[in-house]
Amino acid sequence: MGGTISPADARDPATFSPDGDGQDDKLIIDQKLSEKATLSVEVRSTSGDLVRHFTVRVKRGRGQTTWDGRNDAHKVVPDGTYRVKLTPKDAAGNVGQTGVVVARVLTTLGQLTSSREGIDVKDGDRLAGSVTLSVHLRSDANVTWQILDRDNHVVATRYDTKGLHAGDLQWVWRGTRDNGKVVHNGWYKATITSTTKVGKVTRSVPIFVGAFRIDVSDGTPARGDRLTVTLTSSEKLKSPPTIVVTQPGVKPRTVDTTAGHGGVYTATFKLSSKGDPGTLGLAVSGTDINGGAQSSSRSIHIH
């Protein structure tokens, strides 16, 4: 029998973090076999010790086999590099070619969390002027925090290069660049990277900067369609915001929204069947609980 075996992401070694946080918890191995078989999986440490052995039945063709990073006692193995050997055997007892995958287990970092999904820093008040990023460091490591824009350009960095002891870490980001200037409104990604002698682990979480996040049910609606707009406010509001809808060739109109939970507001309305194709404008305005004006806008194509 024949076939190929490789890590699902084609990296060598393939790095994963079996820490139960839902991010890269398992090693995923791709395989392609000429017939159905029983796959024997052996996992050994760099010293050659067998830490896990199990078998799985696999079908002919493409498939995947996973290792959850645990040993035969069902405990997560120590951080380090492991060799995963997979050997197929068909129903007649014929043994196929063995595949070997090098895997690196890294559990230094827990899940990165943020105190809020959105912040609004340009209005100058303190209602949603910062976000607290939190993570648990499971072992001593060098740590770097970064904020990246949508093009993955670094806008803010905090280094802790001398090494940190295991424990809970936090960083408060106030929506500014390294030079102290406020960032533009939009989506950003907060990341933390830990480095140990075994390797690097990075965790990330999205952060929105602006008064309102504006989501639409259809990114390219047609004239006459019904459109649902969902608004997520970064700050607490006195009352539901309104939306001024500007459609090419049609008089602008104001649409009220309905409050949901957690600062979410929605409005469903029908676009005019008249007018012209072009750019549909959605201008959102509201008032926060301190009486401050809040506004955001979004443009989408209408045909």
C-alpha atoms as a PDB file:
ATOM      1  CA  MET A   1       0.000   0.000   0.000  1.00  0.00           C
ATOM      2  CA  GLY A   2       1.154   3.562  -0.600  1.00  0.00           C
ATOM      3  CA  GLY A   3       0.459   7.067   0.576  1.00  0.00           C
ATOM      4  CA  THR A   4       1.825  10.281   2.021  1.00  0.00           C
ATOM      5  CA  ILE A   5       1.706  11.810   5.502  1.00  0.00           C
ATOM      6  CA  SER A   6       2.441  15.414   6.434  1.00  0.00           C
ATOM      7  CA  PRO A   7       1.481  18.148   8.937  1.00  0.00           C
ATOM      8  CA  ALA A   8      -1.712  19.938   7.936  1.00  0.00           C
ATOM      9  CA  ASP A   9       0.014  23.326   7.867  1.00  0.00           C
ATOM     10  CA  ALA A  10       3.230  22.076   6.222  1.00  0.00           C
ATOM     11  CA  ARG A  11       5.459  23.656   8.863  1.00  0.00           C
ATOM     12  CA  ASP A  12       8.524  21.845  10.169  1.00  0.00           C
ATOM     13  CA  PRO A  13       8.276  21.465  13.080  1.00  0.00           C
ATOM     14  CA  ALA A  14       4.528  21.843  13.438  1.00  0.00           C
ATOM     15  CA  THR A  15       3.808  23.887  16.573  1.00  0.00           C
ATOM     16  CA  PHE A  16       0.671  23.537  18.662  1.00  0.00           C
ATOM     17  CA  SER A  17      -0.497  24.363  22.199  1.00  0.00           C
ATOM     18  CA  PRO A  18      -2.621  21.667  23.901  1.00  0.00           C
ATOM     19  CA  ASP A  19      -3.725  23.918  26.751  1.00  0.00           C
ATOM     20  CA  GLY A  20      -7.485  23.701  26.284  1.00  0.00           C
ATOM     21  CA  ASP A  21      -8.064  27.315  25.265  1.00  0.00           C
ATOM     22  CA  GLY A  22      -9.451  26.441  21.848  1.00  0.00           C
ATOM     23  CA  GLN A  23      -6.484  27.842  19.897  1.00  0.00           C
ATOM     24  CA  ASP A  24      -4.214  25.289  18.165  1.00  0.00           C
ATOM     25  CA  ASP A  25      -5.043  22.663  20.781  1.00  0.00           C
ATOM     26  CA  LYS A  26      -4.279  19.703  18.498  1.00  0.00           C
ATOM     27  CA  LEU A  27      -1.641  18.606  16.029  1.00  0.00           C
ATOM     28  CA  ILE A  28      -3.402  17.931  12.718  1.00  0.00           C
ATOM     29  CA  ILE A  29      -1.675  15.534  10.342  1.00  0.00           C
ATOM     30  CA  ASP A  30      -2.775  15.114   6.712  1.00  0.00           C
ATOM     31  CA  GLN A  31      -2.588  11.716   5.079  1.00  0.00           C
ATOM     32  CA  LYS A  32      -3.388  10.265   1.688  1.00  0.00           C
ATOM     33  CA  LEU A  33      -3.576   6.454   1.471  1.00  0.00           C
ATOM     34  CA  SER A  34      -4.165   4.113  -1.467  1.00  0.00           C
ATOM     35  CA  GLU A  35      -6.587   1.949   0.563  1.00  0.00           C
ATOM     36  CA  LYS A  36      -8.281   1.872   3.951  1.00  0.00           C
ATOM     37  CA  ALA A  37      -5.981   0.864   6.774  1.00  0.00           C
ATOM     38  CA  THR A  38      -5.238   0.847  10.479  1.00  0.00           C
ATOM     39  CA  LEU A  39      -2.834   3.630  11.320  1.00  0.00           C
ATOM     40  CA  SER A  40      -0.390   3.045  14.170  1.00  0.00           C
ATOM     41  CA  VAL A  41       0.697   6.323  15.783  1.00  0.00           C
ATOM     42  CA  GLU A  42       3.785   6.545  18.000  1.00  0.00           C
ATOM     43  CA  VAL A  43       4.933   9.737  19.719  1.00  0.00           C
ATOM     44  CA  ARG A  44       8.474   9.924  21.084  1.00  0.00           C
ATOM     45  CA  SER A  45      10.446  12.629  22.878  1.00  0.00           C
ATOM     46  CA  THR A  46      13.827  13.845  21.607  1.00  0.00           C
ATOM     47  CA  SER A  47      15.476  11.304  23.943  1.00  0.00           C
ATOM     48  CA  GLY A  48      13.547   8.499  22.241  1.00  0.00           C
ATOM     49  CA  ASP A  49      11.106   7.780  25.059  1.00  0.00           C
ATOM     50  CA  LEU A  50       7.684   6.571  23.901  1.00  0.00           C
ATOM     51  CA  VAL A  51       5.101   8.937  25.388  1.00  0.00           C
ATOM     52  CA  ARG A  52       1.995   7.964  23.408  1.00  0.00           C
ATOM     53  CA  HIS A  53       0.827   5.080  21.224  1.00  0.00           C
ATOM     54  CA  PHE A  54      -2.598   4.632  19.667  1.00  0.00           C
ATOM     55  CA  THR A  55      -4.232   3.252  16.526  1.00  0.00           C
ATOM     56  CA  VAL A  56      -6.963   4.682  14.328  1.00  0.00           C
ATOM     57  CA  ARG A  57      -8.898   3.275  11.374  1.00  0.00           C
ATOM     58  CA  VAL A  58      -8.589   5.476   8.300  1.00  0.00           C
ATOM     59  CA  LYS A  59     -10.313   5.467   4.948  1.00  0.00           C
ATOM     60  CA  ARG A  60      -8.813   5.322   1.483  1.00  0.00           C
ATOM     61  CA  GLY A  61      -7.800   8.689   0.044  1.00  0.00           C
ATOM     62  CA  ARG A  62      -7.307  11.939   1.892  1.00  0.00           C
ATOM     63  CA  GLY A  63      -7.874  12.215   5.616  1.00  0.00           C
ATOM     64  CA  GLN A  64      -6.526  13.607   8.854  1.00  0.00           C
ATOM     65  CA  THR A  65      -5.175  12.193  12.097  1.00  0.00           C
ATOM     66  CA  THR A  66      -4.820  14.265  15.265  1.00  0.00           C
ATOM     67  CA  TRP A  67      -2.725  14.125  18.418  1.00  0.00           C
ATOM     68  CA  ASP A  68      -4.030  16.033  21.421  1.00  0.00           C
ATOM     69  CA  GLY A  69      -0.595  16.519  23.002  1.00  0.00           C
ATOM     70  CA  ARG A  70      -1.270  14.042  25.802  1.00  0.00           C
ATOM     71  CA  ASN A  71       0.677  10.970  26.865  1.00  0.00           C
ATOM     72  CA  ASP A  72      -0.678   7.478  27.555  1.00  0.00           C
ATOM     73  CA  ALA A  73      -1.648   8.649  31.060  1.00  0.00           C
ATOM     74  CA  HIS A  74      -3.845  11.333  29.409  1.00  0.00           C
ATOM     75  CA  LYS A  75      -1.695  14.167  30.746  1.00  0.00           C
ATOM     76  CA  VAL A  76      -0.321  16.984  28.562  1.00  0.00           C
ATOM     77  CA  VAL A  77       3.322  16.315  27.732  1.00  0.00           C
ATOM     78  CA  PRO A  78       6.019  18.834  28.759  1.00  0.00           C
ATOM     79  CA  ASP A  79       6.897  21.614  26.318  1.00  0.00           C
ATOM     80  CA  GLY A  80       9.427  20.404  23.782  1.00  0.00           C
ATOM     81  CA  THR A  81       9.946  18.718  20.413  1.00  0.00           C
ATOM     82  CA  TYR A  82       8.424  15.321  19.591  1.00  0.00           C
ATOM     83  CA  ARG A  83       8.561  12.888  16.663  1.00  0.00           C
ATOM     84  CA  VAL A  84       5.212  11.493  15.589  1.00  0.00           C
ATOM     85  CA  LYS A  85       5.534   8.297  13.549  1.00  0.00           C
ATOM     86  CA  LEU A  86       2.533   7.008  11.592  1.00  0.00           C
ATOM     87  CA  THR A  87       2.560   3.520  10.046  1.00  0.00           C
ATOM     88  CA  PRO A  88      -0.395   2.186   7.982  1.00  0.00           C
ATOM     89  CA  LYS A  89      -1.354  -1.494   7.795  1.00  0.00           C
ATOM     90  CA  ASP A  90      -4.072  -2.850   5.483  1.00  0.00           C
ATOM     91  CA  ALA A  91      -6.597  -5.607   6.235  1.00  0.00           C
ATOM     92  CA  ALA A  92      -4.239  -8.258   4.835  1.00  0.00           C
ATOM     93  CA  GLY A  93      -1.477  -7.219   7.210  1.00  0.00           C
ATOM     94  CA  ASN A  94       0.651  -5.425   4.632  1.00  0.00           C
ATOM     95  CA  VAL A  95       2.596  -2.551   6.173  1.00  0.00           C
ATOM     96  CA  GLY A  96       2.860   0.679   4.220  1.00  0.00           C
ATOM     97  CA  GLN A  97       5.457   3.403   4.231  1.00  0.00           C
ATOM     98  CA  THR A  98       5.945   5.121   7.585  1.00  0.00           C
ATOM     99  CA  GLY A  99       5.570   8.883   7.801  1.00  0.00           C
ATOM    100  CA  VAL A 100       7.262  11.015  10.451  1.00  0.00           C
ATOM    101  CA  VAL A 101       6.123  14.441  11.592  1.00  0.00           C
ATOM    102  CA  VAL A 102       8.196  16.646  13.893  1.00  0.00           C
ATOM    103  CA  ALA A 103       5.957  18.485  16.365  1.00  0.00           C
ATOM    104  CA  ARG A 104       6.688  21.172  18.931  1.00  0.00           C
ATOM    105  CA  VAL A 105       4.484  21.451  22.006  1.00  0.00           C
ATOM    106  CA  LEU A 106       4.294  24.936  23.542  1.00  0.00           C
ATOM    107  CA  THR A 107       1.887  25.765  26.379  1.00  0.00           C
ATOM    108  CA  THR A 108       3.567  28.872  27.806  1.00  0.00           C
ATOM    109  CA  LEU A 109       0.643  31.203  27.121  1.00  0.00           C
ATOM    110  CA  GLY A 110      -3.011  30.863  27.985  1.00  0.00           C
ATOM    111  CA  GLN A 111      -5.798  32.533  26.037  1.00  0.00           C
ATOM    112  CA  LEU A 112      -5.462  36.281  25.484  1.00  0.00           C
ATOM    113  CA  THR A 113      -8.597  38.186  26.515  1.00  0.00           C
ATOM    114  CA  SER A 114      -9.696  41.823  26.329  1.00  0.00           C
ATOM    115  CA  SER A 115     -11.872  43.743  28.766  1.00  0.00           C
ATOM    116  CA  ARG A 116     -13.932  45.155  25.877  1.00  0.00           C
ATOM    117  CA  GLU A 117     -14.222  44.574  22.131  1.00  0.00           C
ATOM    118  CA  GLY A 118     -14.379  48.254  21.191  1.00  0.00           C
ATOM    119  CA  ILE A 119     -12.888  51.512  22.427  1.00  0.00           C
ATOM    120  CA  ASP A 120     -13.517  55.120  21.430  1.00  0.00           C
ATOM    121  CA  VAL A 121     -10.584  57.411  22.142  1.00  0.00           C
ATOM    122  CA  LYS A 122     -11.055  60.398  19.835  1.00  0.00           C
ATOM    123  CA  ASP A 123     -13.895  61.935  21.861  1.00  0.00           C
ATOM    124  CA  GLY A 124     -11.570  62.419  24.834  1.00  0.00           C
ATOM    125  CA  ASP A 125     -13.858  61.031  27.539  1.00  0.00           C
ATOM    126  CA  ARG A 126     -13.141  57.985  29.689  1.00  0.00           C
ATOM    127  CA  LEU A 127     -16.249  55.916  28.965  1.00  0.00           C
ATOM    128  CA  ALA A 128     -14.375  53.546  26.654  1.00  0.00           C
ATOM    129  CA  GLY A 129     -10.942  55.121  26.436  1.00  0.00           C
ATOM    130  CA  SER A 130      -8.853  52.010  27.000  1.00  0.00           C
ATOM    131  CA  VAL A 131      -8.841  48.227  26.875  1.00  0.00           C
ATOM    132  CA  THR A 132      -7.168  45.878  29.342  1.00  0.00           C
ATOM    133  CA  LEU A 133      -5.462  42.868  27.775  1.00  0.00           C
ATOM    134  CA  SER A 134      -4.992  39.859  30.048  1.00  0.00           C
ATOM    135  CA  VAL A 135      -3.211  36.521  29.734  1.00  0.00           C
ATOM    136  CA  HIS A 136      -1.820  33.828  32.004  1.00  0.00           C
ATOM    137  CA  LEU A 137       1.875  32.999  31.611  1.00  0.00           C
ATOM    138  CA  ARG A 138       2.356  29.355  32.565  1.00  0.00           C
ATOM    139  CA  SER A 139       6.154  29.431  32.721  1.00  0.00           C
ATOM    140  CA  ASP A 140       8.962  31.999  32.829  1.00  0.00           C
ATOM    141  CA  ALA A 141       9.488  33.648  29.448  1.00  0.00           C
ATOM    142  CA  ASN A 142      10.421  36.780  27.545  1.00  0.00           C
ATOM    143  CA  VAL A 143       7.264  38.601  26.488  1.00  0.00           C
ATOM    144  CA  THR A 144       6.374  41.144  23.798  1.00  0.00           C
ATOM    145  CA  TRP A 145       2.989  42.846  23.402  1.00  0.00           C
ATOM    146  CA  GLN A 146       2.016  44.453  20.086  1.00  0.00           C
ATOM    147  CA  ILE A 147      -0.927  46.173  18.414  1.00  0.00           C
ATOM    148  CA  LEU A 148      -1.220  45.539  14.650  1.00  0.00           C
ATOM    149  CA  ASP A 149      -3.409  47.307  12.108  1.00  0.00           C
ATOM    150  CA  ARG A 150      -5.404  45.527   9.386  1.00  0.00           C
ATOM    151  CA  ASP A 151      -2.295  45.394   7.172  1.00  0.00           C
ATOM    152  CA  ASN A 152      -0.323  43.771  10.037  1.00  0.00           C
ATOM    153  CA  HIS A 153       1.782  46.898  10.543  1.00  0.00           C
ATOM    154  CA  VAL A 154       2.883  47.402  14.140  1.00  0.00           C
ATOM    155  CA  VAL A 155       1.390  50.566  15.656  1.00  0.00           C
ATOM    156  CA  ALA A 156       2.245  50.006  19.333  1.00  0.00           C
ATOM    157  CA  THR A 157       4.732  47.773  21.175  1.00  0.00           C
ATOM    158  CA  ARG A 158       5.558  46.956  24.754  1.00  0.00           C
ATOM    159  CA  TYR A 159       8.674  44.895  25.479  1.00  0.00           C
ATOM    160  CA  ASP A 160       9.393  42.866  28.600  1.00  0.00           C
ATOM    161  CA  THR A 161      12.699  41.451  27.420  1.00  0.00           C
ATOM    162  CA  LYS A 162      14.399  40.546  30.700  1.00  0.00           C
ATOM    163  CA  GLY A 163      12.100  37.627  31.338  1.00  0.00           C
ATOM    164  CA  LEU A 164       8.897  37.398  33.338  1.00  0.00           C
ATOM    165  CA  HIS A 165       7.926  34.886  35.971  1.00  0.00           C
ATOM    166  CA  ALA A 166       4.875  32.696  35.488  1.00  0.00           C
ATOM    167  CA  GLY A 167       1.632  34.375  36.506  1.00  0.00           C
ATOM    168  CA  ASP A 168      -1.098  36.712  35.279  1.00  0.00           C
ATOM    169  CA  LEU A 169      -0.067  39.536  32.924  1.00  0.00           C
ATOM    170  CA  GLN A 170      -1.942  42.655  31.841  1.00  0.00           C
ATOM    171  CA  TRP A 171      -1.405  45.569  29.481  1.00  0.00           C
ATOM    172  CA  VAL A 172      -3.698  48.602  29.241  1.00  0.00           C
ATOM    173  CA  TRP A 173      -3.809  50.010  25.700  1.00  0.00           C
ATOM    174  CA  ARG A 174      -5.303  53.483  25.297  1.00  0.00           C
ATOM    175  CA  GLY A 175      -5.633  53.511  21.526  1.00  0.00           C
ATOM    176  CA  THR A 176      -2.364  55.325  20.832  1.00  0.00           C
ATOM    177  CA  ARG A 177       0.681  54.658  18.718  1.00  0.00           C
ATOM    178  CA  ASP A 178       4.215  54.412  20.074  1.00  0.00           C
ATOM    179  CA  ASN A 179       4.596  58.137  19.334  1.00  0.00           C
ATOM    180  CA  GLY A 180       1.580  58.954  21.527  1.00  0.00           C
ATOM    181  CA  LYS A 181      -0.789  59.844  18.666  1.00  0.00           C
ATOM    182  CA  VAL A 182      -4.267  58.332  18.598  1.00  0.00           C
ATOM    183  CA  VAL A 183      -4.762  55.600  15.988  1.00  0.00           C
ATOM    184  CA  HIS A 184      -7.310  55.863  13.187  1.00  0.00           C
ATOM    185  CA  ASN A 185     -10.704  54.241  13.652  1.00  0.00           C
ATOM    186  CA  GLY A 186     -10.968  50.651  12.489  1.00  0.00           C
ATOM    187  CA  TRP A 187     -10.036  47.093  13.425  1.00  0.00           C
ATOM    188  CA  TYR A 188      -6.772  46.223  15.164  1.00  0.00           C
ATOM    189  CA  LYS A 189      -5.232  43.055  16.525  1.00  0.00           C
ATOM    190  CA  ALA A 190      -3.598  42.823  19.935  1.00  0.00           C
ATOM    191  CA  THR A 191      -0.917  40.142  20.207  1.00  0.00           C
ATOM    192  CA  ILE A 192       1.360  38.772  22.881  1.00  0.00           C
ATOM    193  CA  THR A 193       4.386  36.588  22.100  1.00  0.00           C
ATOM    194  CA  SER A 194       6.265  34.551  24.689  1.00  0.00           C
ATOM    195  CA  THR A 195       9.741  33.187  24.002  1.00  0.00           C
ATOM    196  CA  THR A 196      11.388  30.320  25.889  1.00  0.00           C
ATOM    197  CA  LYS A 197      14.231  27.955  25.056  1.00  0.00           C
ATOM    198  CA  VAL A 198      11.659  25.673  23.411  1.00  0.00           C
ATOM    199  CA  GLY A 199      10.264  28.306  21.038  1.00  0.00           C
ATOM    200  CA  LYS A 200       7.721  31.095  20.575  1.00  0.00           C
ATOM    201  CA  VAL A 201       3.979  31.219  21.156  1.00  0.00           C
ATOM    202  CA  THR A 202       1.710  34.041  19.974  1.00  0.00           C
ATOM    203  CA  ARG A 203      -1.856  34.757  21.062  1.00  0.00           C
ATOM    204  CA  SER A 204      -4.110  37.445  19.576  1.00  0.00           C
ATOM    205  CA  VAL A 205      -7.490  39.134  20.034  1.00  0.00           C
ATOM    206  CA  PRO A 206      -9.316  41.701  17.834  1.00  0.00           C
ATOM    207  CA  ILE A 207     -10.049  45.244  19.034  1.00  0.00           C
ATOM    208  CA  PHE A 208     -12.277  47.797  17.318  1.00  0.00           C
ATOM    209  CA  VAL A 209     -11.500  51.511  17.598  1.00  0.00           C
ATOM    210  CA  GLY A 210     -14.375  53.912  16.937  1.00  0.00           C
ATOM    211  CA  ALA A 211     -17.782  55.002  18.207  1.00  0.00           C
ATOM    212  CA  PHE A 212     -19.832  52.374  16.340  1.00  0.00           C
ATOM    213  CA  ARG A 213     -19.041  49.152  14.588  1.00  0.00           C
ATOM    214  CA  ILE A 214     -21.389  48.963  11.585  1.00  0.00           C
ATOM    215  CA  ASP A 215     -22.301  45.544  10.141  1.00  0.00           C
ATOM    216  CA  VAL A 216     -24.708  44.969   7.266  1.00  0.00           C
ATOM    217  CA  SER A 217     -26.635  41.873   6.222  1.00  0.00           C
ATOM    218  CA  ASP A 218     -25.586  42.340   2.577  1.00  0.00           C
ATOM    219  CA  GLY A 219     -22.323  43.935   1.518  1.00  0.00           C
ATOM    220  CA  THR A 220     -23.523  44.586  -2.059  1.00  0.00           C
ATOM    221  CA  PRO A 221     -27.300  45.119  -1.906  1.00  0.00           C
ATOM    222  CA  ALA A 222     -29.503  45.977  -4.858  1.00  0.00           C
ATOM    223  CA  ARG A 223     -32.057  48.772  -5.098  1.00  0.00           C
ATOM    224  CA  GLY A 224     -35.312  47.614  -3.559  1.00  0.00           C
ATOM    225  CA  ASP A 225     -33.673  45.055  -1.235  1.00  0.00           C
ATOM    226  CA  ARG A 226     -34.280  44.838   2.491  1.00  0.00           C
ATOM    227  CA  LEU A 227     -31.162  45.591   4.514  1.00  0.00           C
ATOM    228  CA  THR A 228     -30.442  44.934   8.174  1.00  0.00           C
ATOM    229  CA  VAL A 229     -27.854  47.150   9.844  1.00  0.00           C
ATOM    230  CA  THR A 230     -26.368  46.082  13.184  1.00  0.00           C
ATOM    231  CA  LEU A 231     -24.571  48.660  15.306  1.00  0.00           C
ATOM    232  CA  THR A 232     -22.278  47.896  18.230  1.00  0.00           C
ATOM    233  CA  SER A 233     -21.593  50.940  20.374  1.00  0.00           C
ATOM    234  CA  SER A 234     -18.241  51.249  22.135  1.00  0.00           C
ATOM    235  CA  GLU A 235     -19.790  53.493  24.799  1.00  0.00           C
ATOM    236  CA  LYS A 236     -23.053  53.353  26.750  1.00  0.00           C
ATOM    237  CA  LEU A 237     -25.715  55.526  25.142  1.00  0.00           C
ATOM    238  CA  LYS A 238     -28.628  57.582  26.461  1.00  0.00           C
ATOM    239  CA  SER A 239     -30.944  56.281  23.743  1.00  0.00           C
ATOM    240  CA  PRO A 240     -30.788  54.203  20.545  1.00  0.00           C
ATOM    241  CA  PRO A 241     -28.778  55.870  17.751  1.00  0.00           C
ATOM    242  CA  THR A 242     -30.166  56.856  14.370  1.00  0.00           C
ATOM    243  CA  ILE A 243     -28.932  56.119  10.852  1.00  0.00           C
ATOM    244  CA  VAL A 244     -29.048  58.601   7.985  1.00  0.00           C
ATOM    245  CA  VAL A 245     -29.293  56.569   4.776  1.00  0.00           C
ATOM    246  CA  THR A 246     -27.953  58.279   1.658  1.00  0.00           C
ATOM    247  CA  GLN A 247     -28.839  56.497  -1.578  1.00  0.00           C
ATOM    248  CA  PRO A 248     -27.745  57.849  -5.010  1.00  0.00           C
ATOM    249  CA  GLY A 249     -30.568  59.746  -6.706  1.00  0.00           C
ATOM    250  CA  VAL A 250     -32.855  59.485  -3.648  1.00  0.00           C
ATOM    251  CA  LYS A 251     -33.553  61.988  -0.876  1.00  0.00           C
ATOM    252  CA  PRO A 252     -31.661  61.053   2.358  1.00  0.00           C
ATOM    253  CA  ARG A 253     -33.795  59.578   5.141  1.00  0.00           C
ATOM    254  CA  THR A 254     -33.350  58.867   8.833  1.00  0.00           C
ATOM    255  CA  VAL A 255     -33.904  55.375  10.234  1.00  0.00           C
ATOM    256  CA  ASP A 256     -34.405  54.604  13.926  1.00  0.00           C
ATOM    257  CA  THR A 257     -32.731  51.636  15.602  1.00  0.00           C
ATOM    258  CA  THR A 258     -33.905  49.173  18.238  1.00  0.00           C
ATOM    259  CA  ALA A 259     -31.804  48.403  21.303  1.00  0.00           C
ATOM    260  CA  GLY A 260     -30.622  44.869  21.981  1.00  0.00           C
ATOM    261  CA  HIS A 261     -28.169  43.598  24.599  1.00  0.00           C
ATOM    262  CA  GLY A 262     -24.583  44.646  25.251  1.00  0.00           C
ATOM    263  CA  GLY A 263     -24.685  47.919  23.342  1.00  0.00           C
ATOM    264  CA  VAL A 264     -26.040  46.344  20.140  1.00  0.00           C
ATOM    265  CA  TYR A 265     -28.687  48.137  18.056  1.00  0.00           C
ATOM    266  CA  THR A 266     -30.425  47.025  14.858  1.00  0.00           C
ATOM    267  CA  ALA A 267     -32.536  48.480  12.065  1.00  0.00           C
ATOM    268  CA  THR A 268     -34.140  46.725   9.113  1.00  0.00           C
ATOM    269  CA  PHE A 269     -35.428  48.801   6.209  1.00  0.00           C
ATOM    270  CA  LYS A 270     -36.115  48.566   2.511  1.00  0.00           C
ATOM    271  CA  LEU A 271     -33.896  50.398   0.083  1.00  0.00           C
ATOM    272  CA  SER A 272     -35.605  52.522  -2.520  1.00  0.00           C
ATOM    273  CA  SER A 273     -36.123  50.807  -5.858  1.00  0.00           C
ATOM    274  CA  LYS A 274     -35.541  54.177  -7.518  1.00  0.00           C
ATOM    275  CA  GLY A 275     -32.359  56.161  -7.848  1.00  0.00           C
ATOM    276  CA  ASP A 276     -29.038  55.071  -9.295  1.00  0.00           C
ATOM    277  CA  PRO A 277     -26.425  52.433  -8.576  1.00  0.00           C
ATOM    278  CA  GLY A 278     -23.344  53.677  -6.734  1.00  0.00           C
ATOM    279  CA  THR A 279     -22.389  54.282  -3.127  1.00  0.00           C
ATOM    280  CA  LEU A 280     -24.841  53.798  -0.284  1.00  0.00           C
ATOM    281  CA  GLY A 281     -23.964  55.900   2.772  1.00  0.00           C
ATOM    282  CA  LEU A 282     -24.807  54.956   6.373  1.00  0.00           C
ATOM    283  CA  ALA A 283     -24.161  57.768   8.862  1.00  0.00           C
ATOM    284  CA  VAL A 284     -24.747  56.753  12.482  1.00  0.00           C
ATOM    285  CA  SER A 285     -25.151  59.254  15.309  1.00  0.00           C
ATOM    286  CA  GLY A 286     -26.010  58.968  18.991  1.00  0.00           C
ATOM    287  CA  THR A 287     -25.384  60.451  22.432  1.00  0.00           C
ATOM    288  CA  ASP A 288     -23.414  58.748  25.206  1.00  0.00           C
ATOM    289  CA  ILE A 289     -24.548  58.691  28.840  1.00  0.00           C
ATOM    290  CA  ASN A 290     -22.440  61.789  29.561  1.00  0.00           C
ATOM    291  CA  GLY A 291     -24.117  63.761  26.782  1.00  0.00           C
ATOM    292  CA  GLY A 292     -21.235  63.471  24.328  1.00  0.00           C
ATOM    293  CA  ALA A 293     -21.923  63.146  20.608  1.00  0.00           C
ATOM    294  CA  GLN A 294     -21.046  59.821  18.982  1.00  0.00           C
ATOM    295  CA  SER A 295     -20.829  59.214  15.241  1.00  0.00           C
ATOM    296  CA  SER A 296     -19.495  56.727  12.684  1.00  0.00           C
ATOM    297  CA  SER A 297     -20.153  56.114   9.001  1.00  0.00           C
ATOM    298  CA  ARG A 298     -19.809  53.378   6.428  1.00  0.00           C
ATOM    299  CA  SER A 299     -20.166  53.257   2.661  1.00  0.00           C
ATOM    300  CA  ILE A 300     -21.129  50.199   0.608  1.00  0.00           C
ATOM    301  CA  HIS A 301     -21.820  49.608  -3.073  1.00  0.00           C
ATOM    302  CA  ILE A 302     -25.425  49.405  -4.255  1.00  0.00           C
ATOM    303  CA  HIS A 303     -26.430  48.099  -7.667  1.00  0.00           C
END
